[in-house]
N, C-alpha and C. Protein backbone atom coordinates (compact mmCIF):
# COMPACT_ATOMS: atom_id res chain seq x y z
N UNK A 1 20.18 43.12 24.49
CA UNK A 1 19.49 42.55 23.35
C UNK A 1 20.44 42.50 22.16
N UNK A 2 20.25 41.49 21.36
CA UNK A 2 21.02 41.35 20.14
C UNK A 2 20.22 41.91 18.98
N UNK A 3 20.84 42.08 17.82
CA UNK A 3 20.10 42.62 16.68
C UNK A 3 18.86 41.82 16.32
N UNK A 4 18.86 40.50 16.58
CA UNK A 4 17.70 39.69 16.23
C UNK A 4 16.58 39.84 17.25
N UNK A 5 16.85 40.52 18.36
CA UNK A 5 15.82 40.74 19.36
C UNK A 5 15.90 39.79 20.53
N UNK A 6 16.63 38.69 20.40
CA UNK A 6 16.77 37.74 21.49
C UNK A 6 17.89 38.16 22.42
N UNK A 7 18.04 37.43 23.49
CA UNK A 7 19.08 37.72 24.45
C UNK A 7 20.28 36.82 24.19
N UNK A 8 21.48 37.36 24.33
CA UNK A 8 22.68 36.56 24.10
C UNK A 8 22.93 35.68 25.31
N UNK A 9 22.96 34.40 25.07
CA UNK A 9 23.29 33.44 26.13
C UNK A 9 24.47 32.61 25.65
N UNK A 10 25.09 31.92 26.57
CA UNK A 10 26.25 31.10 26.25
C UNK A 10 25.89 29.63 26.39
N UNK A 11 26.31 28.83 25.41
CA UNK A 11 26.13 27.39 25.47
C UNK A 11 27.52 26.78 25.53
N UNK A 12 27.71 25.87 26.48
CA UNK A 12 28.98 25.18 26.66
C UNK A 12 28.73 23.70 26.38
N UNK A 13 29.52 23.13 25.47
CA UNK A 13 29.34 21.74 25.06
C UNK A 13 30.39 20.84 25.69
N UNK A 14 29.98 19.61 26.02
CA UNK A 14 30.92 18.62 26.50
C UNK A 14 31.82 18.18 25.35
N UNK A 15 32.89 17.49 25.68
CA UNK A 15 33.86 17.06 24.68
C UNK A 15 33.27 16.30 23.52
N UNK A 16 32.36 15.38 23.79
CA UNK A 16 31.77 14.57 22.73
C UNK A 16 31.00 15.45 21.75
N UNK A 17 30.24 16.40 22.24
CA UNK A 17 29.44 17.26 21.37
C UNK A 17 30.29 18.28 20.62
N UNK A 18 31.45 18.61 21.16
CA UNK A 18 32.32 19.57 20.49
C UNK A 18 32.73 19.09 19.10
N UNK A 19 32.80 17.78 18.95
CA UNK A 19 33.16 17.19 17.65
C UNK A 19 32.23 17.69 16.55
N UNK A 20 30.97 17.89 16.88
CA UNK A 20 29.97 18.30 15.90
C UNK A 20 29.87 19.82 15.77
N UNK A 21 30.66 20.54 16.53
CA UNK A 21 30.63 22.01 16.51
C UNK A 21 32.02 22.56 16.21
N UNK A 22 32.71 21.89 15.30
CA UNK A 22 34.06 22.31 14.90
C UNK A 22 35.00 22.43 16.09
N UNK A 23 34.79 21.57 17.08
CA UNK A 23 35.61 21.50 18.29
C UNK A 23 35.64 22.81 19.07
N UNK A 24 34.57 23.57 18.97
CA UNK A 24 34.44 24.79 19.76
C UNK A 24 33.63 24.45 21.01
N UNK A 25 34.14 24.82 22.15
CA UNK A 25 33.49 24.50 23.42
C UNK A 25 32.35 25.45 23.74
N UNK A 26 32.53 26.75 23.51
CA UNK A 26 31.53 27.74 23.90
C UNK A 26 30.95 28.45 22.68
N UNK A 27 29.66 28.72 22.77
CA UNK A 27 28.93 29.38 21.69
C UNK A 27 28.00 30.42 22.29
N UNK A 28 27.96 31.59 21.69
CA UNK A 28 27.05 32.65 22.12
C UNK A 28 25.93 32.74 21.10
N UNK A 29 24.69 32.61 21.58
CA UNK A 29 23.53 32.62 20.69
C UNK A 29 22.46 33.56 21.23
N UNK A 30 21.74 34.16 20.32
CA UNK A 30 20.62 35.03 20.70
C UNK A 30 19.36 34.20 20.72
N UNK A 31 18.83 33.95 21.91
CA UNK A 31 17.64 33.12 22.05
C UNK A 31 16.82 33.62 23.23
N UNK A 32 15.54 33.30 23.19
CA UNK A 32 14.65 33.67 24.29
C UNK A 32 14.33 32.50 25.20
N UNK A 33 14.52 31.26 24.70
CA UNK A 33 14.28 30.07 25.51
C UNK A 33 15.43 29.09 25.30
N UNK A 34 15.53 28.11 26.19
CA UNK A 34 16.52 27.05 26.03
C UNK A 34 16.29 26.32 24.72
N UNK A 35 15.04 25.99 24.42
CA UNK A 35 14.72 25.27 23.19
C UNK A 35 15.17 26.04 21.95
N UNK A 36 14.92 27.33 21.94
CA UNK A 36 15.34 28.14 20.80
C UNK A 36 16.86 28.13 20.65
N UNK A 37 17.56 28.20 21.76
CA UNK A 37 19.02 28.17 21.72
C UNK A 37 19.52 26.85 21.14
N UNK A 38 18.89 25.75 21.55
CA UNK A 38 19.28 24.44 21.03
C UNK A 38 19.01 24.37 19.53
N UNK A 39 17.85 24.86 19.10
CA UNK A 39 17.52 24.84 17.67
C UNK A 39 18.50 25.70 16.86
N UNK A 40 18.87 26.84 17.39
CA UNK A 40 19.84 27.69 16.70
C UNK A 40 21.21 27.01 16.61
N UNK A 41 21.59 26.32 17.68
CA UNK A 41 22.86 25.61 17.68
C UNK A 41 22.86 24.51 16.62
N UNK A 42 21.77 23.76 16.55
CA UNK A 42 21.65 22.69 15.54
C UNK A 42 21.58 23.30 14.14
N UNK A 43 20.95 24.45 14.01
CA UNK A 43 20.92 25.13 12.72
C UNK A 43 22.31 25.54 12.26
N UNK A 44 23.13 25.94 13.20
CA UNK A 44 24.50 26.34 12.90
C UNK A 44 25.38 25.13 12.59
N UNK A 45 25.10 24.01 13.28
CA UNK A 45 25.88 22.78 13.13
C UNK A 45 24.92 21.61 12.89
N UNK A 46 24.41 21.46 11.67
CA UNK A 46 23.38 20.45 11.39
C UNK A 46 23.76 19.02 11.77
N UNK A 47 25.03 18.65 11.67
CA UNK A 47 25.44 17.29 12.00
C UNK A 47 25.19 16.96 13.47
N UNK A 48 25.08 17.98 14.30
CA UNK A 48 24.82 17.78 15.72
C UNK A 48 23.38 17.35 15.97
N UNK A 49 22.48 17.66 15.05
CA UNK A 49 21.06 17.39 15.25
C UNK A 49 20.74 15.96 15.61
N UNK A 50 21.27 14.99 14.86
CA UNK A 50 20.96 13.59 15.13
C UNK A 50 21.55 13.09 16.43
N UNK A 51 22.60 13.73 16.89
CA UNK A 51 23.25 13.33 18.14
C UNK A 51 22.55 13.95 19.34
N UNK A 52 22.18 15.20 19.22
CA UNK A 52 21.61 15.95 20.34
C UNK A 52 20.10 15.76 20.49
N UNK A 53 19.40 15.61 19.36
CA UNK A 53 17.93 15.58 19.38
C UNK A 53 17.38 14.24 18.91
N UNK A 54 16.21 13.87 19.45
CA UNK A 54 15.54 12.67 18.97
C UNK A 54 14.72 13.01 17.72
N UNK A 55 13.98 12.03 17.20
CA UNK A 55 13.24 12.24 15.95
C UNK A 55 12.13 13.28 16.09
N UNK A 56 11.70 13.55 17.32
CA UNK A 56 10.66 14.57 17.56
C UNK A 56 11.26 15.95 17.80
N UNK A 57 12.60 16.05 17.78
CA UNK A 57 13.24 17.34 17.99
C UNK A 57 13.49 17.69 19.45
N UNK A 58 13.32 16.72 20.35
CA UNK A 58 13.56 16.94 21.78
C UNK A 58 14.96 16.46 22.14
N UNK A 59 15.59 17.07 23.13
CA UNK A 59 16.92 16.61 23.54
C UNK A 59 16.88 15.14 23.96
N UNK A 60 17.86 14.39 23.48
CA UNK A 60 17.95 12.96 23.85
C UNK A 60 18.23 12.84 25.34
N UNK A 61 17.75 11.75 25.92
CA UNK A 61 17.88 11.54 27.36
C UNK A 61 19.32 11.27 27.80
N UNK A 62 20.22 10.98 26.86
CA UNK A 62 21.62 10.74 27.23
C UNK A 62 22.36 12.04 27.54
N UNK A 63 21.73 13.16 27.27
CA UNK A 63 22.36 14.45 27.55
C UNK A 63 21.79 15.06 28.82
N UNK A 64 22.64 15.71 29.57
CA UNK A 64 22.23 16.43 30.76
C UNK A 64 22.44 17.91 30.49
N UNK A 65 21.45 18.71 30.85
CA UNK A 65 21.54 20.15 30.63
C UNK A 65 21.50 20.88 31.96
N UNK A 66 22.37 21.86 32.08
CA UNK A 66 22.46 22.67 33.29
C UNK A 66 22.36 24.13 32.89
N UNK A 67 21.35 24.81 33.42
CA UNK A 67 21.18 26.24 33.17
C UNK A 67 21.66 26.97 34.41
N UNK A 68 22.73 27.72 34.25
CA UNK A 68 23.35 28.44 35.37
C UNK A 68 23.65 27.52 36.55
N UNK A 69 24.12 26.31 36.23
CA UNK A 69 24.52 25.36 37.26
C UNK A 69 23.42 24.48 37.82
N UNK A 70 22.18 24.69 37.40
CA UNK A 70 21.05 23.89 37.89
C UNK A 70 20.56 22.98 36.77
N UNK A 71 20.47 21.68 37.09
CA UNK A 71 20.04 20.73 36.07
C UNK A 71 18.59 20.99 35.67
N UNK A 72 18.34 20.95 34.36
CA UNK A 72 16.98 21.07 33.86
C UNK A 72 16.64 19.80 33.08
N UNK A 73 15.39 19.44 33.09
CA UNK A 73 14.93 18.25 32.38
C UNK A 73 14.57 18.62 30.95
N UNK A 74 14.45 17.62 30.07
CA UNK A 74 14.02 17.91 28.69
C UNK A 74 12.67 18.63 28.64
N UNK A 75 11.84 18.40 29.64
CA UNK A 75 10.52 19.06 29.68
C UNK A 75 10.62 20.54 30.01
N UNK A 76 11.77 20.99 30.49
CA UNK A 76 11.95 22.39 30.89
C UNK A 76 12.64 23.24 29.83
N UNK A 77 12.78 22.72 28.60
CA UNK A 77 13.50 23.48 27.58
C UNK A 77 12.74 24.71 27.10
N UNK A 78 11.48 24.83 27.44
CA UNK A 78 10.72 26.02 27.09
C UNK A 78 11.01 27.18 28.02
N UNK A 79 11.84 26.94 29.02
CA UNK A 79 12.19 27.95 30.01
C UNK A 79 12.87 29.15 29.36
N UNK A 80 12.46 30.34 29.77
CA UNK A 80 13.05 31.57 29.25
C UNK A 80 14.47 31.74 29.77
N UNK A 81 15.29 32.39 28.97
CA UNK A 81 16.66 32.67 29.38
C UNK A 81 16.87 34.17 29.43
N UNK A 82 17.87 34.55 30.21
CA UNK A 82 18.23 35.95 30.34
C UNK A 82 19.61 36.17 29.72
N UNK A 83 19.91 37.41 29.46
CA UNK A 83 21.22 37.74 28.92
C UNK A 83 22.30 37.20 29.85
N UNK A 84 23.33 36.62 29.26
CA UNK A 84 24.47 36.05 29.97
C UNK A 84 24.16 34.73 30.68
N UNK A 85 22.97 34.14 30.50
CA UNK A 85 22.72 32.82 31.05
C UNK A 85 23.69 31.83 30.41
N UNK A 86 23.97 30.76 31.13
CA UNK A 86 24.93 29.76 30.67
C UNK A 86 24.25 28.40 30.67
N UNK A 87 24.18 27.78 29.50
CA UNK A 87 23.61 26.45 29.35
C UNK A 87 24.75 25.48 29.04
N UNK A 88 24.93 24.51 29.92
CA UNK A 88 25.94 23.48 29.69
C UNK A 88 25.21 22.22 29.25
N UNK A 89 25.69 21.62 28.17
CA UNK A 89 25.11 20.37 27.68
C UNK A 89 26.19 19.31 27.78
N UNK A 90 25.93 18.32 28.62
CA UNK A 90 26.88 17.24 28.86
C UNK A 90 26.28 15.93 28.37
N UNK A 91 27.14 15.03 27.93
CA UNK A 91 26.69 13.71 27.51
C UNK A 91 27.03 12.73 28.61
N UNK A 92 26.02 11.98 29.06
CA UNK A 92 26.23 10.97 30.09
C UNK A 92 27.10 9.86 29.52
N UNK A 93 28.00 9.37 30.32
CA UNK A 93 28.88 8.28 29.89
C UNK A 93 28.45 7.03 30.64
N UNK A 94 28.26 5.96 29.90
CA UNK A 94 27.85 4.69 30.50
C UNK A 94 28.78 3.60 30.00
N UNK A 95 28.83 2.55 30.73
CA UNK A 95 29.66 1.43 30.31
C UNK A 95 29.87 0.48 31.46
N UNK A 96 30.56 -0.57 31.18
CA UNK A 96 30.74 -1.59 32.21
C UNK A 96 32.14 -1.88 32.55
């Protein structure tokens, strides 16, 4: 447990998102759910909010999230996390 009472988890950002997090790839945050971790990350790096979240505060569909190597959908962000869990947030690349 961390001093705030949440569990320390690690968030790993893809290259595109690192731009909004002072080019730091990994972040350790105290959170109890995936959603809380995302909100804390955006709170720490407000410029990331418009890129990562839609107007309702949900992760944009262009991002893929993997919790401990397993893909989770935007509907699963309420999922609880454990200490040392790893959330990877990747941005899908499209083009022709």
